[in-house]
Protein backbone atom coordinates (compact mmCIF):
# COMPACT_ATOMS: atom_id res chain seq x y z
CA MET A 1 0.00 0.00 0.00
CA THR A 2 1.29 3.48 -0.83
CA ASN A 3 2.30 5.91 1.87
CA LYS A 4 0.14 9.06 1.91
CA GLU A 5 1.92 12.34 2.61
CA ARG A 6 0.23 15.10 4.59
CA VAL A 7 1.80 18.46 3.76
CA ILE A 8 0.90 21.98 4.96
CA VAL A 9 1.09 24.50 2.09
CA ASN A 10 0.39 28.22 1.73
CA ILE A 11 -1.67 29.25 -1.29
CA GLY A 12 -3.00 32.80 -1.67
CA GLY A 13 -2.13 33.63 1.92
CA GLN A 14 -4.10 30.70 3.35
CA GLU A 15 -2.74 27.47 4.78
CA PHE A 16 -4.03 24.18 3.47
CA SER A 17 -3.37 20.63 4.55
CA VAL A 18 -2.82 18.56 1.41
CA VAL A 19 -2.74 14.74 1.41
CA GLY A 20 -1.22 12.93 -1.58
CA ASN A 21 0.82 10.00 -2.79
CA GLU A 22 3.62 12.25 -4.05
CA SER A 23 6.63 13.51 -2.12
CA GLU A 24 6.48 16.61 0.09
CA GLU A 25 8.77 18.43 -2.33
CA TYR A 26 6.44 17.68 -5.26
CA ILE A 27 3.31 18.81 -3.37
CA LYS A 28 5.01 22.06 -2.26
CA GLY A 29 6.13 22.67 -5.86
CA ILE A 30 2.53 22.42 -7.10
CA ALA A 31 1.34 24.71 -4.29
CA LYS A 32 4.02 27.27 -5.20
CA LEU A 33 2.92 27.17 -8.85
CA VAL A 34 -0.72 27.89 -7.86
CA ASP A 35 0.34 30.57 -5.35
CA ASP A 36 2.61 32.27 -7.91
CA ASN A 37 -0.26 32.35 -10.43
CA ILE A 38 -2.65 33.90 -7.89
CA LYS A 39 -0.02 36.50 -6.90
CA GLU A 40 0.61 37.38 -10.55
CA ILE A 41 -3.13 37.86 -11.19
CA THR A 42 -3.69 39.98 -8.05
CA LYS A 43 -0.60 42.05 -8.88
CA LYS A 44 -2.07 42.91 -12.28
CA ASN A 45 -5.57 43.61 -10.93
CA LYS A 46 -5.67 44.58 -7.25
CA ARG A 47 -9.49 44.93 -7.26
CA LEU A 48 -10.05 41.15 -7.66
CA SER A 49 -11.19 39.20 -4.62
CA GLN A 50 -9.12 36.28 -3.39
CA SER A 51 -11.67 33.78 -4.73
CA MET A 52 -11.81 35.54 -8.14
CA ALA A 53 -8.00 35.52 -8.35
CA ALA A 54 -8.02 31.81 -7.39
CA ILE A 55 -10.60 31.06 -10.09
CA LEU A 56 -8.60 32.97 -12.75
CA ALA A 57 -5.40 31.23 -11.62
CA ALA A 58 -7.18 27.86 -11.85
CA PHE A 59 -8.43 28.86 -15.30
CA ASN A 60 -4.91 29.88 -16.45
CA ILE A 61 -3.39 26.70 -15.03
CA GLY A 62 -6.17 24.66 -16.67
CA ASP A 63 -5.48 26.48 -19.95
CA LYS A 64 -1.75 25.76 -19.73
CA TYR A 65 -2.50 22.15 -18.74
CA THR A 66 -4.92 21.69 -21.67
CA LYS A 67 -2.44 23.24 -24.12
CA SER A 68 0.34 21.09 -22.69
CA LEU A 69 -1.84 17.98 -23.11
CA LYS A 70 -2.63 18.99 -26.70
CA ASP A 71 1.08 19.62 -27.36
CA LEU A 72 1.91 16.28 -25.78
CA ASN A 73 -0.69 14.49 -27.91
CA ASP A 74 0.54 16.31 -31.02
CA LEU A 75 4.09 15.36 -30.11
CA ARG A 76 3.05 11.73 -29.63
CA LYS A 77 1.27 11.76 -33.01
CA ASN A 78 4.28 13.41 -34.64
CA THR A 79 6.64 10.84 -33.16
CA VAL A 80 4.66 7.81 -34.33
CA GLU A 81 5.77 8.09 -37.97
CA PRO A 82 9.44 8.81 -37.15
CA LEU A 83 9.41 5.90 -34.69
CA ASN A 84 7.89 3.65 -37.35
CA GLN A 85 10.49 4.90 -39.83
CA PHE A 86 13.18 4.30 -37.23
CA GLU A 87 12.00 0.72 -36.74
CA GLN A 88 11.87 0.22 -40.51
CA MET A 89 15.35 1.72 -40.93
CA LYS A 90 16.60 -0.41 -38.04
CA SER A 91 15.19 -3.48 -39.78
CA GLU A 92 16.72 -2.40 -43.11
CA LEU A 93 20.05 -1.77 -41.37
CA GLU A 94 19.96 -5.26 -39.88
CA GLU A 95 19.10 -6.69 -43.30
CA SER A 96 21.95 -4.70 -44.86
CA LYS A 97 24.33 -5.95 -42.17
CA ASN A 98 23.29 -9.52 -42.96
CA LYS A 99 23.77 -8.93 -46.69
CA LEU A 100 27.15 -7.32 -46.02
CA GLN A 101 28.18 -10.31 -43.93
CA ALA A 102 27.08 -12.65 -46.73
CA VAL A 103 29.07 -10.59 -49.27
CA LYS A 104 32.10 -10.62 -46.95
CA SER A 105 31.83 -14.39 -46.61
CA GLU A 106 31.53 -14.74 -50.38
CA CYS A 107 34.48 -12.38 -50.82
CA ASP A 108 36.55 -14.44 -48.37
CA SER A 109 35.61 -17.56 -50.31
CA TYR A 110 36.71 -15.91 -53.57
CA LYS A 111 39.93 -14.77 -51.90
CA ASP A 112 40.63 -18.36 -50.86
CA GLU A 113 39.88 -19.58 -54.38
CA LEU A 114 42.10 -16.85 -55.85
CA LEU A 115 44.93 -17.75 -53.48
CA GLN A 116 44.54 -21.43 -54.40
CA SER A 117 44.52 -20.51 -58.10
CA LYS A 118 47.66 -18.39 -57.66
CA ARG A 119 49.40 -21.30 -55.96
CA GLU A 120 48.30 -23.61 -58.76
CA ILE A 121 49.53 -21.12 -61.39
CA GLU A 122 52.89 -20.82 -59.60
CA LYS A 123 53.17 -24.60 -59.53
CA LEU A 124 52.30 -24.83 -63.23
CA ASN A 125 54.77 -22.04 -64.05
CA ARG A 126 57.52 -23.92 -62.21
CA MET A 127 56.64 -27.06 -64.17
CA ILE A 128 56.67 -25.08 -67.43
CA ARG A 129 60.07 -23.56 -66.62
CA LYS A 130 61.44 -27.02 -65.77
CA GLN A 131 60.04 -28.44 -69.00
CA GLU A 132 61.47 -25.49 -70.94
CA GLU A 133 64.87 -26.13 -69.35
CA ASP A 134 64.57 -29.84 -70.14
CA LEU A 135 63.53 -28.99 -73.70
CA LYS A 136 66.47 -26.62 -74.06
CA LEU A 137 68.82 -29.34 -72.83
CA LYS A 138 67.24 -31.82 -75.27
CA ASP A 139 67.57 -29.29 -78.10
CA GLU A 140 71.24 -28.83 -77.23
CA GLU A 141 71.63 -32.60 -77.08
CA VAL A 142 69.94 -32.96 -80.48
CA ILE A 143 72.20 -30.24 -81.92
CA ASN A 144 75.25 -31.98 -80.46
CA ASN A 145 74.04 -35.36 -81.73
CA ASN A 146 73.40 -33.88 -85.19
CA LYS A 147 76.88 -32.41 -85.15
CA THR A 148 78.31 -35.79 -84.12
CA ILE A 149 76.28 -37.49 -86.86
CA ASP A 150 77.55 -34.95 -89.40
CA ASP A 151 81.12 -35.52 -88.20
CA LEU A 152 80.68 -39.29 -88.37
CA GLN A 153 79.08 -39.07 -91.81
CA ASN A 154 81.99 -36.95 -92.99
CA LYS A 155 84.46 -39.46 -91.54
CA LEU A 156 82.50 -42.31 -93.11
CA PHE A 157 82.53 -40.52 -96.44
CA GLU A 158 86.25 -39.85 -96.10
CA SER A 159 86.80 -43.49 -95.08
CA GLN A 160 84.80 -44.68 -98.08
CA VAL A 161 86.76 -42.39 -100.37
CA GLU A 162 89.95 -43.68 -98.80
CA MET A 163 88.75 -47.25 -99.15
CA VAL A 164 87.92 -46.70 -102.79
CA GLN A 165 91.39 -45.22 -103.25
CA ILE A 166 92.99 -48.17 -101.45
CA ARG A 167 91.03 -50.69 -103.55
CA LYS A 168 92.04 -48.88 -106.64
CA GLU A 169 95.65 -48.99 -105.54
CA LEU A 170 95.27 -52.64 -104.55
CA ARG A 171 93.87 -53.54 -107.99
CA GLU A 172 96.63 -51.72 -109.65
CA ALA A 173 99.16 -53.47 -107.44
CA LEU A 174 97.53 -56.83 -108.20
CA LYS A 175 97.55 -56.03 -111.88
CA MET A 176 101.19 -55.25 -111.67
CA LEU A 177 101.87 -58.43 -109.86
CA ASP A 178 99.92 -60.38 -112.38
CA MET A 179 101.92 -58.83 -115.08
CA ASP A 180 105.10 -59.77 -113.64
């Protein structure tokens, strides 16, 4: 159960005992507001009775209260759309974050694939260089072998020419021996 406060306040020169659920400070603040309004009205028009000044003060406070309520309601109405927009934007932001995360994941996947492809290309390039070196060595070997073949063919040709010359000389020597 709430604790009721009993507070003595002075409004319009009269003391009142006010009972409420609010704090003493709050109750005295309200009493001061009413008292200040009554004093302001009596200061402007000294011919007004205390009850007339109290009624006008109540009217002014009621007017301010009503305008404040209207302003509050207008403010509430005016904040509904921005709050809805905020919620929508918050939802869109979350969706964008999710899409960004998906794109980042996809990008990371592509980076991994690219790195793997680069490694594969480097491996293939090393194999190509090795095969080019092997091919160069084979080409040099073929050139050397062709040179050796040419040299051997030349020697063979020279040997055949020499053999033909020797046979010719041998026939001539045999002919001379047969003649003798």
